[in-house]
């Protein structure tokens, strides 16, 4: 298995679509220290999420759910 990074930044709208939630939910996830949701990059006042960091977060949470 290779560790390839995309370097893609997703607009917040696409992150919401990815998880099937609204922007407000993502904001709550960011503030919850137990979730450890990746912080966005802010460019010209708009939030962008690093796709690689989201994928890593997904993997971490999947393995955490399997252990529980």
Protein backbone atom coordinates (compact mmCIF):
# COMPACT_ATOMS: atom_id res chain seq x y z
CA UNK A 1 0.00 0.00 0.00
CA UNK A 2 1.39 3.39 -0.98
CA UNK A 3 0.98 6.62 0.91
CA UNK A 4 0.07 9.07 -1.82
CA UNK A 5 -1.10 12.53 -0.92
CA UNK A 6 -3.37 14.58 -3.11
CA UNK A 7 -2.70 18.00 -1.63
CA UNK A 8 -6.28 18.91 -2.54
CA UNK A 9 -8.18 21.47 -0.54
CA UNK A 10 -11.93 20.96 -0.38
CA UNK A 11 -14.24 23.95 -0.03
CA UNK A 12 -16.32 23.64 3.14
CA UNK A 13 -19.41 22.91 1.02
CA UNK A 14 -17.71 19.77 -0.36
CA UNK A 15 -16.68 18.69 3.14
CA UNK A 16 -20.31 18.99 4.22
CA UNK A 17 -21.37 16.88 1.25
CA UNK A 18 -18.68 14.31 2.06
CA UNK A 19 -20.10 13.72 5.54
CA UNK A 20 -23.75 14.49 4.80
CA UNK A 21 -23.95 17.26 7.40
CA UNK A 22 -24.36 21.04 7.46
CA UNK A 23 -21.63 23.63 8.00
CA UNK A 24 -22.74 24.19 11.59
CA UNK A 25 -22.11 20.52 12.41
CA UNK A 26 -18.57 20.72 11.01
CA UNK A 27 -17.98 23.82 13.16
CA UNK A 28 -19.08 21.88 16.24
CA UNK A 29 -16.77 19.00 15.33
CA UNK A 30 -13.87 21.46 15.09
CA UNK A 31 -14.53 22.76 18.61
CA UNK A 32 -14.84 19.28 20.19
CA UNK A 33 -11.35 18.29 21.39
CA UNK A 34 -12.37 14.62 21.72
CA UNK A 35 -13.14 14.37 17.99
CA UNK A 36 -9.82 15.88 16.93
CA UNK A 37 -11.35 17.03 13.61
CA UNK A 38 -8.71 18.66 11.37
CA UNK A 39 -8.68 22.44 11.41
CA UNK A 40 -9.38 24.14 8.08
CA UNK A 41 -7.12 26.39 6.09
CA UNK A 42 -8.64 29.85 5.69
CA UNK A 43 -8.02 31.53 2.35
CA UNK A 44 -9.61 34.92 1.66
CA UNK A 45 -12.03 34.37 4.54
CA UNK A 46 -13.23 30.98 3.22
CA UNK A 47 -12.61 27.62 4.86
CA UNK A 48 -10.90 24.81 2.96
CA UNK A 49 -10.25 21.35 4.34
CA UNK A 50 -7.21 19.28 3.42
CA UNK A 51 -8.48 16.09 1.78
CA UNK A 52 -5.52 14.03 3.03
CA UNK A 53 -6.09 15.10 6.63
CA UNK A 54 -9.81 14.28 6.33
CA UNK A 55 -8.97 10.83 4.98
CA UNK A 56 -6.55 10.24 7.87
CA UNK A 57 -9.25 11.40 10.32
CA UNK A 58 -11.72 8.99 8.70
CA UNK A 59 -9.28 6.10 9.11
CA UNK A 60 -8.56 7.00 12.73
CA UNK A 61 -12.24 7.16 13.60
CA UNK A 62 -13.04 3.92 11.77
CA UNK A 63 -10.38 2.06 13.75
CA UNK A 64 -11.57 3.70 16.97
CA UNK A 65 -15.14 2.49 16.31
CA UNK A 66 -13.93 -1.04 15.59
CA UNK A 67 -12.09 -1.18 18.94
CA UNK A 68 -15.08 0.11 20.94
